[in-house]
Amino acid sequence: MPGAITRGVLFVHSSPRALCPHLEWAASNVLDSVVTFDWIEQPAAPGLFRSEYSWQGPQGTGSRIASALRGWTHLRYEVTEEASYGVDGSRWSHTPELGIFHAATDVHGNVVVPEDRVRAALAHAHDPVRLQEELGLALGQAWDDELEPFRYAGAGAPVRWLHRVG
């Protein structure tokens, strides 16, 4: 279905103040509209800021947002794109130490591990430690471990509900 629309969320978990306007500019370019984030201090990293932005756009927009932010090394972020007609959902996670991780997600946001990754991990079934490492890599466990304190710190962040009428 050409032109299918999806939606997602950009979670900027930590950003230096100087990057904040550049992130808004990058998101504006991808979304083809003026984007303004509500920045708040990140309690997990004093001196850094966090924001969340719900977006809507054509399939693949999440990938374009993640790519637009990829070059800034002092940034922690996640981009989600919900599953839509004929396309799985996705999640991109980025940390300064680990770089970027991408995973397909189901309609509930669970990471979907492709058959080939499972088979590659099972090739190490004789070594339980290696098997666990391979499955952890396939699931993005290292990214989740690093981002979790920043996600938790945002639990009390203000939420802006968007409603469309008509």
C-alpha atoms as a PDB file:
ATOM      1  CA  MET A   1       0.000   0.000   0.000  1.00  0.00           C
ATOM      2  CA  PRO A   2       1.910   3.058  -1.220  1.00  0.00           C
ATOM      3  CA  GLY A   3       1.858   6.029   1.072  1.00  0.00           C
ATOM      4  CA  ALA A   4       0.841   4.066   4.185  1.00  0.00           C
ATOM      5  CA  ILE A   5       1.083   6.220   7.289  1.00  0.00           C
ATOM      6  CA  THR A   6       2.496   5.078  10.598  1.00  0.00           C
ATOM      7  CA  ARG A   7       3.460   6.700  13.852  1.00  0.00           C
ATOM      8  CA  GLY A   8       6.093   6.416  16.503  1.00  0.00           C
ATOM      9  CA  VAL A   9       7.997   8.181  19.227  1.00  0.00           C
ATOM     10  CA  LEU A  10      11.434   9.774  19.380  1.00  0.00           C
ATOM     11  CA  PHE A  11      12.849   9.466  22.882  1.00  0.00           C
ATOM     12  CA  VAL A  12      15.889  11.673  23.417  1.00  0.00           C
ATOM     13  CA  HIS A  13      17.174  10.223  26.678  1.00  0.00           C
ATOM     14  CA  SER A  14      20.164  12.547  27.077  1.00  0.00           C
ATOM     15  CA  SER A  15      21.538  15.429  25.087  1.00  0.00           C
ATOM     16  CA  PRO A  16      23.897  18.293  25.845  1.00  0.00           C
ATOM     17  CA  ARG A  17      22.063  21.633  25.797  1.00  0.00           C
ATOM     18  CA  ALA A  18      24.037  22.767  22.735  1.00  0.00           C
ATOM     19  CA  LEU A  19      22.641  19.885  20.641  1.00  0.00           C
ATOM     20  CA  CYS A  20      18.983  20.441  21.545  1.00  0.00           C
ATOM     21  CA  PRO A  21      18.142  22.927  18.756  1.00  0.00           C
ATOM     22  CA  HIS A  22      20.062  20.809  16.232  1.00  0.00           C
ATOM     23  CA  LEU A  23      17.947  17.764  17.155  1.00  0.00           C
ATOM     24  CA  GLU A  24      14.766  19.767  16.600  1.00  0.00           C
ATOM     25  CA  TRP A  25      16.116  20.930  13.245  1.00  0.00           C
ATOM     26  CA  ALA A  26      17.018  17.350  12.208  1.00  0.00           C
ATOM     27  CA  ALA A  27      13.574  16.044  13.195  1.00  0.00           C
ATOM     28  CA  SER A  28      11.914  18.967  11.394  1.00  0.00           C
ATOM     29  CA  ASN A  29      13.799  18.099   8.205  1.00  0.00           C
ATOM     30  CA  VAL A  30      12.724  14.454   8.347  1.00  0.00           C
ATOM     31  CA  LEU A  31       9.104  15.205   9.294  1.00  0.00           C
ATOM     32  CA  ASP A  32       8.843  18.123   6.865  1.00  0.00           C
ATOM     33  CA  SER A  33       7.296  20.376   9.506  1.00  0.00           C
ATOM     34  CA  VAL A  34       8.501  22.585  12.329  1.00  0.00           C
ATOM     35  CA  VAL A  35       9.234  20.459  15.395  1.00  0.00           C
ATOM     36  CA  THR A  36       9.663  21.873  18.891  1.00  0.00           C
ATOM     37  CA  PHE A  37      10.599  19.598  21.779  1.00  0.00           C
ATOM     38  CA  ASP A  38       9.760  20.174  25.434  1.00  0.00           C
ATOM     39  CA  TRP A  39      13.206  19.817  27.027  1.00  0.00           C
ATOM     40  CA  ILE A  40      13.582  18.915  30.696  1.00  0.00           C
ATOM     41  CA  GLU A  41      16.660  18.119  32.737  1.00  0.00           C
ATOM     42  CA  GLN A  42      17.721  14.469  32.745  1.00  0.00           C
ATOM     43  CA  PRO A  43      17.938  13.399  36.419  1.00  0.00           C
ATOM     44  CA  ALA A  44      20.128  10.397  35.537  1.00  0.00           C
ATOM     45  CA  ALA A  45      22.783  12.691  34.012  1.00  0.00           C
ATOM     46  CA  PRO A  46      22.974  16.184  35.518  1.00  0.00           C
ATOM     47  CA  GLY A  47      23.668  18.842  32.906  1.00  0.00           C
ATOM     48  CA  LEU A  48      21.975  16.854  30.136  1.00  0.00           C
ATOM     49  CA  PHE A  49      18.421  17.164  28.825  1.00  0.00           C
ATOM     50  CA  ARG A  50      15.685  14.783  27.696  1.00  0.00           C
ATOM     51  CA  SER A  51      12.563  14.994  25.569  1.00  0.00           C
ATOM     52  CA  GLU A  52       9.952  12.819  23.875  1.00  0.00           C
ATOM     53  CA  TYR A  53       8.198  13.563  20.628  1.00  0.00           C
ATOM     54  CA  SER A  54       5.319  11.616  19.066  1.00  0.00           C
ATOM     55  CA  TRP A  55       5.432  11.703  15.287  1.00  0.00           C
ATOM     56  CA  GLN A  56       3.341  10.534  12.360  1.00  0.00           C
ATOM     57  CA  GLY A  57       4.538   9.961   8.815  1.00  0.00           C
ATOM     58  CA  PRO A  58       5.051   7.539   5.948  1.00  0.00           C
ATOM     59  CA  GLN A  59       6.473   4.083   6.570  1.00  0.00           C
ATOM     60  CA  GLY A  60      10.236   4.351   7.036  1.00  0.00           C
ATOM     61  CA  THR A  61      10.110   7.665   8.880  1.00  0.00           C
ATOM     62  CA  GLY A  62      11.548   6.058  12.022  1.00  0.00           C
ATOM     63  CA  SER A  63      14.574   4.905  10.056  1.00  0.00           C
ATOM     64  CA  ARG A  64      15.093   8.377   8.626  1.00  0.00           C
ATOM     65  CA  ILE A  65      14.873   9.967  12.093  1.00  0.00           C
ATOM     66  CA  ALA A  66      17.379   7.482  13.548  1.00  0.00           C
ATOM     67  CA  SER A  67      19.738   8.091  10.634  1.00  0.00           C
ATOM     68  CA  ALA A  68      19.465  11.872  10.996  1.00  0.00           C
ATOM     69  CA  LEU A  69      20.551  11.642  14.656  1.00  0.00           C
ATOM     70  CA  ARG A  70      23.197   8.970  14.224  1.00  0.00           C
ATOM     71  CA  GLY A  71      26.205  11.266  13.796  1.00  0.00           C
ATOM     72  CA  TRP A  72      26.072  12.886  17.231  1.00  0.00           C
ATOM     73  CA  THR A  73      28.113  10.798  19.624  1.00  0.00           C
ATOM     74  CA  HIS A  74      27.090  12.515  22.880  1.00  0.00           C
ATOM     75  CA  LEU A  75      23.481  11.530  22.399  1.00  0.00           C
ATOM     76  CA  ARG A  76      21.316   8.742  23.837  1.00  0.00           C
ATOM     77  CA  TYR A  77      18.078   8.159  21.978  1.00  0.00           C
ATOM     78  CA  GLU A  78      15.498   5.649  20.836  1.00  0.00           C
ATOM     79  CA  VAL A  79      13.130   5.829  17.907  1.00  0.00           C
ATOM     80  CA  THR A  80      10.106   3.588  17.606  1.00  0.00           C
ATOM     81  CA  GLU A  81       7.928   3.020  14.561  1.00  0.00           C
ATOM     82  CA  GLU A  82       4.690   1.115  14.993  1.00  0.00           C
ATOM     83  CA  ALA A  83       3.798  -1.792  12.756  1.00  0.00           C
ATOM     84  CA  SER A  84       1.618  -0.707   9.857  1.00  0.00           C
ATOM     85  CA  TYR A  85       0.018  -2.235   6.793  1.00  0.00           C
ATOM     86  CA  GLY A  86       2.470  -4.834   5.439  1.00  0.00           C
ATOM     87  CA  VAL A  87       5.407  -3.673   7.550  1.00  0.00           C
ATOM     88  CA  ASP A  88       6.726  -4.774  10.947  1.00  0.00           C
ATOM     89  CA  GLY A  89       7.421  -2.195  13.594  1.00  0.00           C
ATOM     90  CA  SER A  90      10.968  -1.151  14.472  1.00  0.00           C
ATOM     91  CA  ARG A  91      13.053   0.228  17.281  1.00  0.00           C
ATOM     92  CA  TRP A  92      16.403   1.974  16.976  1.00  0.00           C
ATOM     93  CA  SER A  93      18.493   2.519  20.104  1.00  0.00           C
ATOM     94  CA  HIS A  94      21.659   4.609  20.271  1.00  0.00           C
ATOM     95  CA  THR A  95      24.220   5.170  23.006  1.00  0.00           C
ATOM     96  CA  PRO A  96      27.584   6.940  22.773  1.00  0.00           C
ATOM     97  CA  GLU A  97      29.435   3.799  23.851  1.00  0.00           C
ATOM     98  CA  LEU A  98      27.588   1.194  21.778  1.00  0.00           C
ATOM     99  CA  GLY A  99      26.441   3.058  18.682  1.00  0.00           C
ATOM    100  CA  ILE A 100      23.145   2.133  17.076  1.00  0.00           C
ATOM    101  CA  PHE A 101      21.027  -1.021  17.374  1.00  0.00           C
ATOM    102  CA  HIS A 102      18.007  -1.864  15.242  1.00  0.00           C
ATOM    103  CA  ALA A 103      15.363  -4.496  15.876  1.00  0.00           C
ATOM    104  CA  ALA A 104      12.081  -5.401  14.253  1.00  0.00           C
ATOM    105  CA  THR A 105       9.146  -5.299  16.668  1.00  0.00           C
ATOM    106  CA  ASP A 106       5.709  -6.868  16.720  1.00  0.00           C
ATOM    107  CA  VAL A 107       2.426  -5.007  17.219  1.00  0.00           C
ATOM    108  CA  HIS A 108       3.009  -5.017  20.986  1.00  0.00           C
ATOM    109  CA  GLY A 109       6.527  -3.545  20.751  1.00  0.00           C
ATOM    110  CA  ASN A 110       8.337  -6.816  21.516  1.00  0.00           C
ATOM    111  CA  VAL A 111      11.647  -7.373  19.747  1.00  0.00           C
ATOM    112  CA  VAL A 112      11.347 -10.017  17.038  1.00  0.00           C
ATOM    113  CA  VAL A 113      14.507 -12.070  16.535  1.00  0.00           C
ATOM    114  CA  PRO A 114      14.852 -13.385  12.965  1.00  0.00           C
ATOM    115  CA  GLU A 115      15.195 -17.107  12.387  1.00  0.00           C
ATOM    116  CA  ASP A 116      18.787 -16.779  11.138  1.00  0.00           C
ATOM    117  CA  ARG A 117      19.866 -15.022  14.353  1.00  0.00           C
ATOM    118  CA  VAL A 118      18.249 -17.760  16.455  1.00  0.00           C
ATOM    119  CA  ARG A 119      19.973 -20.456  14.375  1.00  0.00           C
ATOM    120  CA  ALA A 120      23.334 -18.662  14.711  1.00  0.00           C
ATOM    121  CA  ALA A 121      22.884 -18.503  18.483  1.00  0.00           C
ATOM    122  CA  LEU A 122      21.874 -22.168  18.639  1.00  0.00           C
ATOM    123  CA  ALA A 123      25.127 -23.070  16.908  1.00  0.00           C
ATOM    124  CA  HIS A 124      26.681 -22.260  20.298  1.00  0.00           C
ATOM    125  CA  ALA A 125      24.228 -24.355  22.328  1.00  0.00           C
ATOM    126  CA  HIS A 126      27.152 -26.442  23.608  1.00  0.00           C
ATOM    127  CA  ASP A 127      28.467 -23.301  25.361  1.00  0.00           C
ATOM    128  CA  PRO A 128      25.708 -21.823  27.557  1.00  0.00           C
ATOM    129  CA  VAL A 129      27.622 -18.586  28.193  1.00  0.00           C
ATOM    130  CA  ARG A 130      28.175 -17.975  24.468  1.00  0.00           C
ATOM    131  CA  LEU A 131      24.551 -18.887  23.721  1.00  0.00           C
ATOM    132  CA  GLN A 132      23.379 -16.325  26.264  1.00  0.00           C
ATOM    133  CA  GLU A 133      25.735 -13.690  24.797  1.00  0.00           C
ATOM    134  CA  GLU A 134      24.464 -14.320  21.258  1.00  0.00           C
ATOM    135  CA  LEU A 135      20.818 -14.098  22.301  1.00  0.00           C
ATOM    136  CA  GLY A 136      21.563 -10.962  24.338  1.00  0.00           C
ATOM    137  CA  LEU A 137      23.126  -9.367  21.270  1.00  0.00           C
ATOM    138  CA  ALA A 138      20.144 -10.326  19.093  1.00  0.00           C
ATOM    139  CA  LEU A 139      17.783  -8.731  21.626  1.00  0.00           C
ATOM    140  CA  GLY A 140      19.888  -5.578  22.116  1.00  0.00           C
ATOM    141  CA  GLN A 141      20.391  -6.311  25.803  1.00  0.00           C
ATOM    142  CA  ALA A 142      23.495  -4.118  26.144  1.00  0.00           C
ATOM    143  CA  TRP A 143      21.554  -1.118  24.787  1.00  0.00           C
ATOM    144  CA  ASP A 144      18.632  -1.813  27.117  1.00  0.00           C
ATOM    145  CA  ASP A 145      21.005  -2.110  30.086  1.00  0.00           C
ATOM    146  CA  GLU A 146      22.659   1.222  29.299  1.00  0.00           C
ATOM    147  CA  LEU A 147      19.437   3.092  28.507  1.00  0.00           C
ATOM    148  CA  GLU A 148      17.303   1.767  31.373  1.00  0.00           C
ATOM    149  CA  PRO A 149      18.433   4.343  33.981  1.00  0.00           C
ATOM    150  CA  PHE A 150      17.645   7.105  31.482  1.00  0.00           C
ATOM    151  CA  ARG A 151      14.235   5.620  30.679  1.00  0.00           C
ATOM    152  CA  TYR A 152      13.415   5.271  34.358  1.00  0.00           C
ATOM    153  CA  ALA A 153      14.455   8.866  35.035  1.00  0.00           C
ATOM    154  CA  GLY A 154      11.877   9.938  32.478  1.00  0.00           C
ATOM    155  CA  ALA A 155       9.019   8.096  34.177  1.00  0.00           C
ATOM    156  CA  GLY A 156       7.803  11.315  35.778  1.00  0.00           C
ATOM    157  CA  ALA A 157       8.249  13.391  32.624  1.00  0.00           C
ATOM    158  CA  PRO A 158       5.271  15.373  31.380  1.00  0.00           C
ATOM    159  CA  VAL A 159       3.167  13.666  28.724  1.00  0.00           C
ATOM    160  CA  ARG A 160       1.496  15.582  25.938  1.00  0.00           C
ATOM    161  CA  TRP A 161      -1.579  13.820  24.533  1.00  0.00           C
ATOM    162  CA  LEU A 162      -2.382  14.657  20.948  1.00  0.00           C
ATOM    163  CA  HIS A 163      -5.927  14.303  19.731  1.00  0.00           C
ATOM    164  CA  ARG A 164      -7.119  14.613  16.190  1.00  0.00           C
ATOM    165  CA  VAL A 165     -10.726  15.488  15.585  1.00  0.00           C
ATOM    166  CA  GLY A 166     -12.495  15.208  12.262  1.00  0.00           C
END
